[in-house]
PDB file of N, CA and C in Angstrom:
ATOM      1  N   MET A   1       8.290-158.806  45.696  1.00  0.00           N
ATOM      2  CA  MET A   1       9.044-158.825  46.950  1.00  0.00           C
ATOM      3  C   MET A   1      10.540-158.897  46.669  1.00  0.00           C
ATOM      4  N   ASP A   2      11.254-157.940  47.167  1.00  0.00           N
ATOM      5  CA  ASP A   2      12.693-157.904  46.927  1.00  0.00           C
ATOM      6  C   ASP A   2      13.416-159.079  47.592  1.00  0.00           C
ATOM      7  N   GLU A   3      12.823-159.628  48.657  1.00  0.00           N
ATOM      8  CA  GLU A   3      13.492-160.710  49.374  1.00  0.00           C
ATOM      9  C   GLU A   3      13.823-161.887  48.460  1.00  0.00           C
ATOM     10  N   ILE A   4      12.943-162.161  47.497  1.00  0.00           N
ATOM     11  CA  ILE A   4      13.121-163.328  46.637  1.00  0.00           C
ATOM     12  C   ILE A   4      14.447-163.267  45.876  1.00  0.00           C
ATOM     13  N   ALA A   5      14.878-162.077  45.509  1.00  0.00           N
ATOM     14  CA  ALA A   5      16.088-161.915  44.711  1.00  0.00           C
ATOM     15  C   ALA A   5      17.317-162.459  45.430  1.00  0.00           C
ATOM     16  N   TYR A   6      17.370-162.318  46.745  1.00  0.00           N
ATOM     17  CA  TYR A   6      18.537-162.788  47.484  1.00  0.00           C
ATOM     18  C   TYR A   6      18.180-163.768  48.599  1.00  0.00           C
ATOM     19  N   TRP A   7      17.005-164.397  48.452  1.00  0.00           N
ATOM     20  CA  TRP A   7      16.509-165.328  49.469  1.00  0.00           C
ATOM     21  C   TRP A   7      17.526-166.427  49.780  1.00  0.00           C
ATOM     22  N   GLY A   8      18.161-166.980  48.751  1.00  0.00           N
ATOM     23  CA  GLY A   8      19.096-168.081  48.948  1.00  0.00           C
ATOM     24  C   GLY A   8      20.324-167.691  49.734  1.00  0.00           C
ATOM     25  N   GLN A   9      20.595-166.389  49.833  1.00  0.00           N
ATOM     26  CA  GLN A   9      21.783-165.920  50.545  1.00  0.00           C
ATOM     27  C   GLN A   9      21.450-165.489  51.973  1.00  0.00           C
ATOM     28  N   MET A  10      20.159-165.493  52.307  1.00  0.00           N
ATOM     29  CA  MET A  10      19.736-165.040  53.625  1.00  0.00           C
ATOM     30  C   MET A  10      19.849-166.157  54.651  1.00  0.00           C
ATOM     31  N   THR A  11      20.134-165.780  55.894  1.00  0.00           N
ATOM     32  CA  THR A  11      20.172-166.756  56.977  1.00  0.00           C
ATOM     33  C   THR A  11      18.767-166.950  57.522  1.00  0.00           C
ATOM     34  N   GLU A  12      18.570-167.996  58.310  1.00  0.00           N
ATOM     35  CA  GLU A  12      17.251-168.226  58.904  1.00  0.00           C
ATOM     36  C   GLU A  12      16.834-167.038  59.762  1.00  0.00           C
ATOM     37  N   ALA A  13      17.791-166.441  60.467  1.00  0.00           N
ATOM     38  CA  ALA A  13      17.480-165.289  61.318  1.00  0.00           C
ATOM     39  C   ALA A  13      16.978-164.117  60.483  1.00  0.00           C
ATOM     40  N   GLU A  14      17.543-163.965  59.289  1.00  0.00           N
ATOM     41  CA  GLU A  14      17.111-162.882  58.403  1.00  0.00           C
ATOM     42  C   GLU A  14      15.739-163.173  57.799  1.00  0.00           C
ATOM     43  N   LYS A  15      15.444-164.456  57.615  1.00  0.00           N
ATOM     44  CA  LYS A  15      14.167-164.833  57.015  1.00  0.00           C
ATOM     45  C   LYS A  15      13.011-164.719  58.003  1.00  0.00           C
ATOM     46  N   ALA A  16      13.293-164.884  59.293  1.00  0.00           N
ATOM     47  CA  ALA A  16      12.229-164.931  60.300  1.00  0.00           C
ATOM     48  C   ALA A  16      11.258-163.756  60.208  1.00  0.00           C
ATOM     49  N   PRO A  17      11.735-162.506  60.198  1.00  0.00           N
ATOM     50  CA  PRO A  17      10.795-161.383  60.110  1.00  0.00           C
ATOM     51  C   PRO A  17      10.058-161.344  58.774  1.00  0.00           C
ATOM     52  N   VAL A  18      10.667-161.888  57.730  1.00  0.00           N
ATOM     53  CA  VAL A  18       9.996-161.940  56.432  1.00  0.00           C
ATOM     54  C   VAL A  18       8.818-162.903  56.517  1.00  0.00           C
ATOM     55  N   TRP A  19       9.045-164.077  57.130  1.00  0.00           N
ATOM     56  CA  TRP A  19       7.957-165.038  57.305  1.00  0.00           C
ATOM     57  C   TRP A  19       6.834-164.422  58.110  1.00  0.00           C
ATOM     58  N   GLU A  20       7.199-163.691  59.170  1.00  0.00           N
ATOM     59  CA  GLU A  20       6.169-163.080  60.016  1.00  0.00           C
ATOM     60  C   GLU A  20       5.327-162.102  59.214  1.00  0.00           C
ATOM     61  N   ARG A  21       5.975-161.337  58.335  1.00  0.00           N
ATOM     62  CA  ARG A  21       5.226-160.375  57.522  1.00  0.00           C
ATOM     63  C   ARG A  21       4.340-161.098  56.512  1.00  0.00           C
ATOM     64  N   LEU A  22       4.872-162.145  55.888  1.00  0.00           N
ATOM     65  CA  LEU A  22       4.070-162.904  54.928  1.00  0.00           C
ATOM     66  C   LEU A  22       2.841-163.492  55.604  1.00  0.00           C
ATOM     67  N   GLU A  23       3.041-164.059  56.784  1.00  0.00           N
ATOM     68  CA  GLU A  23       1.922-164.651  57.506  1.00  0.00           C
ATOM     69  C   GLU A  23       0.907-163.578  57.878  1.00  0.00           C
ATOM     70  N   ALA A  24       1.385-162.418  58.290  1.00  0.00           N
ATOM     71  CA  ALA A  24       0.497-161.326  58.667  1.00  0.00           C
ATOM     72  C   ALA A  24      -0.314-160.852  57.464  1.00  0.00           C
ATOM     73  N   GLN A  25       0.268-160.983  56.270  1.00  0.00           N
ATOM     74  CA  GLN A  25      -0.401-160.535  55.052  1.00  0.00           C
ATOM     75  C   GLN A  25      -1.310-161.619  54.471  1.00  0.00           C
ATOM     76  N   GLY A  26      -1.322-162.797  55.101  1.00  0.00           N
ATOM     77  CA  GLY A  26      -2.244-163.832  54.672  1.00  0.00           C
ATOM     78  C   GLY A  26      -1.608-164.957  53.868  1.00  0.00           C
ATOM     79  N   TYR A  27      -0.272-165.007  53.832  1.00  0.00           N
ATOM     80  CA  TYR A  27       0.393-166.072  53.080  1.00  0.00           C
ATOM     81  C   TYR A  27       0.753-167.238  54.002  1.00  0.00           C
ATOM     82  N   ILE A  28      -0.171-167.586  54.881  1.00  0.00           N
ATOM     83  CA  ILE A  28       0.078-168.652  55.849  1.00  0.00           C
ATOM     84  C   ILE A  28       0.422-169.967  55.142  1.00  0.00           C
ATOM     85  N   ALA A  29      -0.316-170.300  54.083  1.00  0.00           N
ATOM     86  CA  ALA A  29      -0.116-171.564  53.384  1.00  0.00           C
ATOM     87  C   ALA A  29       1.300-171.646  52.812  1.00  0.00           C
ATOM     88  N   LEU A  30       1.777-170.559  52.239  1.00  0.00           N
ATOM     89  CA  LEU A  30       3.120-170.524  51.671  1.00  0.00           C
ATOM     90  C   LEU A  30       4.154-170.777  52.757  1.00  0.00           C
ATOM     91  N   ALA A  31       3.983-170.146  53.899  1.00  0.00           N
ATOM     92  CA  ALA A  31       4.920-170.316  55.001  1.00  0.00           C
ATOM     93  C   ALA A  31       4.910-171.754  55.508  1.00  0.00           C
ATOM     94  N   GLU A  32       3.716-172.351  55.572  1.00  0.00           N
ATOM     95  CA  GLU A  32       3.616-173.719  56.063  1.00  0.00           C
ATOM     96  C   GLU A  32       4.263-174.706  55.104  1.00  0.00           C
ATOM     97  N   ILE A  33       4.130-174.459  53.812  1.00  0.00           N
ATOM     98  CA  ILE A  33       4.730-175.339  52.813  1.00  0.00           C
ATOM     99  C   ILE A  33       6.255-175.268  52.897  1.00  0.00           C
ATOM    100  N   SER A  34       6.780-174.065  53.079  1.00  0.00           N
ATOM    101  CA  SER A  34       8.220-173.873  53.097  1.00  0.00           C
ATOM    102  C   SER A  34       8.833-174.249  54.441  1.00  0.00           C
ATOM    103  N   HIS A  35       8.052-174.151  55.501  1.00  0.00           N
ATOM    104  CA  HIS A  35       8.535-174.476  56.840  1.00  0.00           C
ATOM    105  C   HIS A  35       7.590-175.467  57.509  1.00  0.00           C
ATOM    106  N   PRO A  36       7.598-176.715  57.066  1.00  0.00           N
ATOM    107  CA  PRO A  36       6.693-177.700  57.661  1.00  0.00           C
ATOM    108  C   PRO A  36       7.011-177.917  59.129  1.00  0.00           C
ATOM    109  N   THR A  37       6.001-178.160  59.921  1.00  0.00           N
ATOM    110  CA  THR A  37       6.205-178.373  61.351  1.00  0.00           C
ATOM    111  C   THR A  37       6.458-179.837  61.634  1.00  0.00           C
TER     112      THR A  37
END
């Protein structure tokens, strides 16, 4: 995933669609760990 290379420079707004794609692809656990509710 190219996002990882510049993840630290991305804003939350830029990350939102990435999280949605990860969750859609089945990486729900990863998203939950990184964004606890």
